[in-house]
Amino acid sequence: MERNFPDTLSALRREKNISQRQAASELGISQALLSHYENGAREPGLNFVCRACDYYGVTADYILCRTNDPGGETVGAAKAFIDQIRTVLDRAESVLDQFNGEE
């Protein structure tokens, strides 16, 4: 099944385990308007889409169903970089342990 904006918006809220009322309040809109966005009765403007992305911590491409990666390539690249740093640190720690053992 292909994702769509209303289902994605609703799923993000449910994943955060919050009510429509709370999400609407924190997003600066009425609960009724959020309900309309989540059931597809109305389409939001760009301003709301940007706020929703920030609020849920996802990219616009994800919330607009252009990708299935909520964090986008930037997050994936950052995680790969962190993994590389951990590998280097592990190697450095191993070398230090060998050096300390030789004394």
N, C-alpha and C. Protein backbone atom coordinates (compact mmCIF):
# COMPACT_ATOMS: atom_id res chain seq x y z
N MET A 1 0.83 -1.19 0.00
CA MET A 1 0.00 0.00 0.00
C MET A 1 0.88 1.25 0.00
N GLU A 2 0.57 2.17 -0.84
CA GLU A 2 1.34 3.40 -0.95
C GLU A 2 0.88 4.39 0.13
N ARG A 3 1.86 5.03 0.77
CA ARG A 3 1.54 6.02 1.80
C ARG A 3 0.98 7.28 1.16
N ASN A 4 0.22 8.03 1.95
CA ASN A 4 -0.23 9.35 1.52
C ASN A 4 -0.07 10.32 2.69
N PHE A 5 -0.18 11.61 2.40
CA PHE A 5 0.06 12.62 3.42
C PHE A 5 -0.85 12.46 4.64
N PRO A 6 -2.18 12.35 4.47
CA PRO A 6 -3.04 12.24 5.66
C PRO A 6 -2.68 11.05 6.55
N ASP A 7 -2.45 9.89 5.94
CA ASP A 7 -2.10 8.70 6.74
C ASP A 7 -0.76 8.87 7.43
N THR A 8 0.20 9.48 6.74
CA THR A 8 1.52 9.69 7.32
C THR A 8 1.44 10.65 8.50
N LEU A 9 0.70 11.74 8.33
CA LEU A 9 0.54 12.71 9.41
C LEU A 9 -0.10 12.07 10.63
N SER A 10 -1.12 11.29 10.41
CA SER A 10 -1.81 10.61 11.50
C SER A 10 -0.90 9.57 12.17
N ALA A 11 -0.16 8.83 11.37
CA ALA A 11 0.74 7.80 11.91
C ALA A 11 1.85 8.43 12.76
N LEU A 12 2.38 9.55 12.31
CA LEU A 12 3.43 10.23 13.08
C LEU A 12 2.90 10.66 14.44
N ARG A 13 1.69 11.15 14.48
CA ARG A 13 1.09 11.55 15.76
C ARG A 13 0.89 10.35 16.66
N ARG A 14 0.38 9.27 16.10
CA ARG A 14 0.15 8.06 16.90
C ARG A 14 1.47 7.46 17.41
N GLU A 15 2.52 7.51 16.57
CA GLU A 15 3.82 7.01 17.00
C GLU A 15 4.35 7.81 18.18
N LYS A 16 4.02 9.07 18.22
CA LYS A 16 4.44 9.95 19.31
C LYS A 16 3.53 9.75 20.53
N ASN A 17 2.46 8.97 20.34
CA ASN A 17 1.51 8.63 21.39
C ASN A 17 0.86 9.87 22.01
N ILE A 18 0.40 10.75 21.15
CA ILE A 18 -0.28 11.95 21.64
C ILE A 18 -1.64 12.10 20.95
N SER A 19 -2.51 12.82 21.60
CA SER A 19 -3.85 13.03 21.07
C SER A 19 -3.83 14.09 19.97
N GLN A 20 -4.89 14.10 19.18
CA GLN A 20 -5.04 15.15 18.18
C GLN A 20 -5.07 16.51 18.85
N ARG A 21 -5.76 16.59 19.98
CA ARG A 21 -5.88 17.86 20.69
C ARG A 21 -4.51 18.40 21.08
N GLN A 22 -3.66 17.54 21.64
CA GLN A 22 -2.32 17.97 22.06
C GLN A 22 -1.47 18.36 20.85
N ALA A 23 -1.47 17.53 19.82
CA ALA A 23 -0.67 17.82 18.63
C ALA A 23 -1.13 19.13 18.00
N ALA A 24 -2.44 19.31 17.87
CA ALA A 24 -2.96 20.53 17.27
C ALA A 24 -2.52 21.75 18.05
N SER A 25 -2.63 21.67 19.36
CA SER A 25 -2.23 22.79 20.21
C SER A 25 -0.76 23.12 20.02
N GLU A 26 0.08 22.10 20.01
CA GLU A 26 1.53 22.31 19.88
C GLU A 26 1.92 22.74 18.46
N LEU A 27 1.08 22.43 17.49
CA LEU A 27 1.33 22.85 16.11
C LEU A 27 0.68 24.20 15.79
N GLY A 28 -0.08 24.73 16.74
CA GLY A 28 -0.68 26.05 16.56
C GLY A 28 -1.91 26.09 15.67
N ILE A 29 -2.66 24.99 15.64
CA ILE A 29 -3.90 24.93 14.86
C ILE A 29 -5.00 24.32 15.72
N SER A 30 -6.22 24.36 15.25
CA SER A 30 -7.32 23.75 15.99
C SER A 30 -7.31 22.23 15.79
N GLN A 31 -7.94 21.55 16.74
CA GLN A 31 -8.06 20.10 16.61
C GLN A 31 -8.87 19.74 15.37
N ALA A 32 -9.90 20.52 15.10
CA ALA A 32 -10.75 20.25 13.93
C ALA A 32 -9.94 20.33 12.64
N LEU A 33 -9.06 21.35 12.55
CA LEU A 33 -8.25 21.48 11.34
C LEU A 33 -7.27 20.32 11.21
N LEU A 34 -6.65 19.92 12.33
CA LEU A 34 -5.74 18.77 12.27
C LEU A 34 -6.50 17.52 11.84
N SER A 35 -7.71 17.37 12.34
CA SER A 35 -8.53 16.23 11.94
C SER A 35 -8.79 16.25 10.43
N HIS A 36 -9.07 17.42 9.90
CA HIS A 36 -9.29 17.54 8.45
C HIS A 36 -8.03 17.17 7.67
N TYR A 37 -6.86 17.59 8.16
CA TYR A 37 -5.60 17.22 7.50
C TYR A 37 -5.38 15.71 7.55
N GLU A 38 -5.67 15.11 8.73
CA GLU A 38 -5.42 13.68 8.91
C GLU A 38 -6.41 12.80 8.16
N ASN A 39 -7.61 13.31 7.88
CA ASN A 39 -8.57 12.48 7.14
C ASN A 39 -8.64 12.86 5.66
N GLY A 40 -7.81 13.81 5.25
CA GLY A 40 -7.72 14.17 3.84
C GLY A 40 -8.79 15.12 3.35
N ALA A 41 -9.59 15.69 4.26
CA ALA A 41 -10.65 16.60 3.85
C ALA A 41 -10.08 17.96 3.41
N ARG A 42 -8.90 18.31 3.94
CA ARG A 42 -8.25 19.58 3.58
C ARG A 42 -6.77 19.33 3.41
N GLU A 43 -6.15 20.16 2.60
CA GLU A 43 -4.70 20.08 2.40
C GLU A 43 -4.05 21.28 3.08
N PRO A 44 -2.98 21.04 3.82
CA PRO A 44 -2.33 22.14 4.53
C PRO A 44 -1.44 22.98 3.61
N GLY A 45 -1.12 24.16 4.09
CA GLY A 45 -0.18 25.00 3.37
C GLY A 45 1.25 24.63 3.74
N LEU A 46 2.17 25.23 3.05
CA LEU A 46 3.60 24.97 3.26
C LEU A 46 4.03 25.29 4.68
N ASN A 47 3.49 26.36 5.25
CA ASN A 47 3.86 26.76 6.60
C ASN A 47 3.58 25.64 7.60
N PHE A 48 2.39 25.02 7.50
CA PHE A 48 2.05 23.92 8.39
C PHE A 48 2.94 22.71 8.14
N VAL A 49 3.18 22.39 6.88
CA VAL A 49 4.02 21.24 6.56
C VAL A 49 5.40 21.40 7.21
N CYS A 50 5.97 22.60 7.13
CA CYS A 50 7.28 22.86 7.75
C CYS A 50 7.21 22.68 9.27
N ARG A 51 6.16 23.21 9.90
CA ARG A 51 6.01 23.06 11.36
C ARG A 51 5.86 21.59 11.73
N ALA A 52 5.07 20.85 10.95
CA ALA A 52 4.86 19.44 11.24
C ALA A 52 6.17 18.66 11.10
N CYS A 53 6.97 18.98 10.10
CA CYS A 53 8.26 18.30 9.93
C CYS A 53 9.15 18.54 11.14
N ASP A 54 9.22 19.78 11.59
CA ASP A 54 10.02 20.10 12.77
C ASP A 54 9.47 19.40 14.01
N TYR A 55 8.17 19.43 14.16
CA TYR A 55 7.51 18.85 15.33
C TYR A 55 7.74 17.34 15.41
N TYR A 56 7.61 16.66 14.29
CA TYR A 56 7.76 15.20 14.29
C TYR A 56 9.19 14.74 13.99
N GLY A 57 10.06 15.67 13.65
CA GLY A 57 11.46 15.31 13.40
C GLY A 57 11.67 14.51 12.13
N VAL A 58 10.93 14.85 11.10
CA VAL A 58 11.06 14.15 9.82
C VAL A 58 11.31 15.17 8.71
N THR A 59 11.72 14.68 7.57
CA THR A 59 11.95 15.57 6.43
C THR A 59 10.64 15.84 5.70
N ALA A 60 10.63 16.91 4.93
CA ALA A 60 9.45 17.22 4.11
C ALA A 60 9.23 16.12 3.09
N ASP A 61 10.31 15.56 2.54
CA ASP A 61 10.16 14.47 1.58
C ASP A 61 9.44 13.28 2.21
N TYR A 62 9.70 13.02 3.48
CA TYR A 62 9.03 11.90 4.14
C TYR A 62 7.55 12.20 4.36
N ILE A 63 7.26 13.36 4.95
CA ILE A 63 5.86 13.67 5.28
C ILE A 63 5.02 13.82 4.02
N LEU A 64 5.67 14.22 2.91
CA LEU A 64 4.96 14.35 1.63
C LEU A 64 5.02 13.06 0.80
N CYS A 65 5.54 11.99 1.40
CA CYS A 65 5.56 10.65 0.81
C CYS A 65 6.44 10.54 -0.43
N ARG A 66 7.49 11.34 -0.48
CA ARG A 66 8.43 11.26 -1.60
C ARG A 66 9.58 10.30 -1.29
N THR A 67 9.69 9.89 -0.01
CA THR A 67 10.69 8.91 0.40
C THR A 67 10.14 8.14 1.59
N ASN A 68 10.68 6.97 1.84
CA ASN A 68 10.29 6.18 3.01
C ASN A 68 11.28 6.35 4.16
N ASP A 69 12.27 7.23 3.98
CA ASP A 69 13.28 7.48 5.00
C ASP A 69 12.92 8.74 5.77
N PRO A 70 12.43 8.59 7.02
CA PRO A 70 11.98 9.77 7.76
C PRO A 70 13.08 10.79 8.04
N GLY A 71 14.33 10.32 8.11
CA GLY A 71 15.43 11.23 8.43
C GLY A 71 16.13 11.78 7.22
N GLY A 72 15.86 11.22 6.09
CA GLY A 72 16.52 11.68 4.87
C GLY A 72 17.97 11.25 4.80
N GLU A 73 18.60 11.60 3.71
CA GLU A 73 19.98 11.20 3.48
C GLU A 73 20.93 11.84 4.48
N THR A 74 20.64 13.03 4.95
CA THR A 74 21.52 13.71 5.89
C THR A 74 21.68 12.92 7.17
N VAL A 75 20.59 12.42 7.69
CA VAL A 75 20.65 11.63 8.91
C VAL A 75 21.40 10.33 8.66
N GLY A 76 21.13 9.71 7.54
CA GLY A 76 21.84 8.47 7.21
C GLY A 76 23.34 8.70 7.07
N ALA A 77 23.72 9.79 6.44
CA ALA A 77 25.14 10.12 6.30
C ALA A 77 25.76 10.41 7.65
N ALA A 78 25.03 11.10 8.51
CA ALA A 78 25.55 11.41 9.85
C ALA A 78 25.76 10.13 10.66
N LYS A 79 24.83 9.20 10.56
CA LYS A 79 24.97 7.93 11.28
C LYS A 79 26.17 7.15 10.76
N ALA A 80 26.36 7.14 9.46
CA ALA A 80 27.52 6.45 8.87
C ALA A 80 28.81 7.09 9.35
N PHE A 81 28.85 8.41 9.42
CA PHE A 81 30.03 9.12 9.89
C PHE A 81 30.32 8.79 11.36
N ILE A 82 29.28 8.75 12.16
CA ILE A 82 29.45 8.39 13.58
C ILE A 82 29.99 6.98 13.71
N ASP A 83 29.49 6.06 12.89
CA ASP A 83 30.01 4.69 12.91
C ASP A 83 31.49 4.65 12.56
N GLN A 84 31.89 5.47 11.58
CA GLN A 84 33.31 5.54 11.21
C GLN A 84 34.14 6.08 12.36
N ILE A 85 33.65 7.08 13.03
CA ILE A 85 34.37 7.65 14.18
C ILE A 85 34.51 6.61 15.28
N ARG A 86 33.46 5.85 15.54
CA ARG A 86 33.52 4.80 16.57
C ARG A 86 34.58 3.76 16.21
N THR A 87 34.66 3.40 14.93
CA THR A 87 35.67 2.44 14.49
C THR A 87 37.07 2.97 14.74
N VAL A 88 37.29 4.23 14.39
CA VAL A 88 38.61 4.84 14.62
C VAL A 88 38.93 4.90 16.10
N LEU A 89 37.96 5.26 16.92
CA LEU A 89 38.19 5.32 18.36
C LEU A 89 38.48 3.94 18.95
N ASP A 90 37.78 2.93 18.47
CA ASP A 90 38.04 1.56 18.93
C ASP A 90 39.47 1.14 18.58
N ARG A 91 39.90 1.46 17.36
CA ARG A 91 41.27 1.13 16.96
C ARG A 91 42.29 1.89 17.79
N ALA A 92 42.02 3.16 18.05
CA ALA A 92 42.93 3.98 18.85
C ALA A 92 43.03 3.42 20.27
N GLU A 93 41.90 3.02 20.83
CA GLU A 93 41.90 2.44 22.17
C GLU A 93 42.71 1.14 22.20
N SER A 94 42.56 0.34 21.16
CA SER A 94 43.32 -0.91 21.08
C SER A 94 44.82 -0.64 21.02
N VAL A 95 45.22 0.35 20.23
CA VAL A 95 46.64 0.70 20.12
C VAL A 95 47.15 1.21 21.47
N LEU A 96 46.37 2.03 22.14
CA LEU A 96 46.78 2.54 23.45
C LEU A 96 46.92 1.41 24.46
N ASP A 97 46.00 0.45 24.42
CA ASP A 97 46.08 -0.69 25.32
C ASP A 97 47.34 -1.49 25.05
N GLN A 98 47.69 -1.69 23.78
CA GLN A 98 48.92 -2.41 23.43
C GLN A 98 50.13 -1.63 23.90
N PHE A 99 50.11 -0.33 23.71
CA PHE A 99 51.23 0.52 24.11
C PHE A 99 51.41 0.48 25.63
N ASN A 100 50.32 0.57 26.37
CA ASN A 100 50.39 0.53 27.83
C ASN A 100 50.84 -0.82 28.33
N GLY A 101 50.52 -1.87 27.62
CA GLY A 101 50.92 -3.22 28.01
C GLY A 101 52.40 -3.47 27.78
N GLU A 102 53.04 -2.72 26.88
CA GLU A 102 54.45 -2.92 26.57
C GLU A 102 55.35 -2.26 27.60
N GLU A 103 54.84 -1.32 28.38
CA GLU A 103 55.68 -0.62 29.33
C GLU A 103 56.02 -1.45 30.53
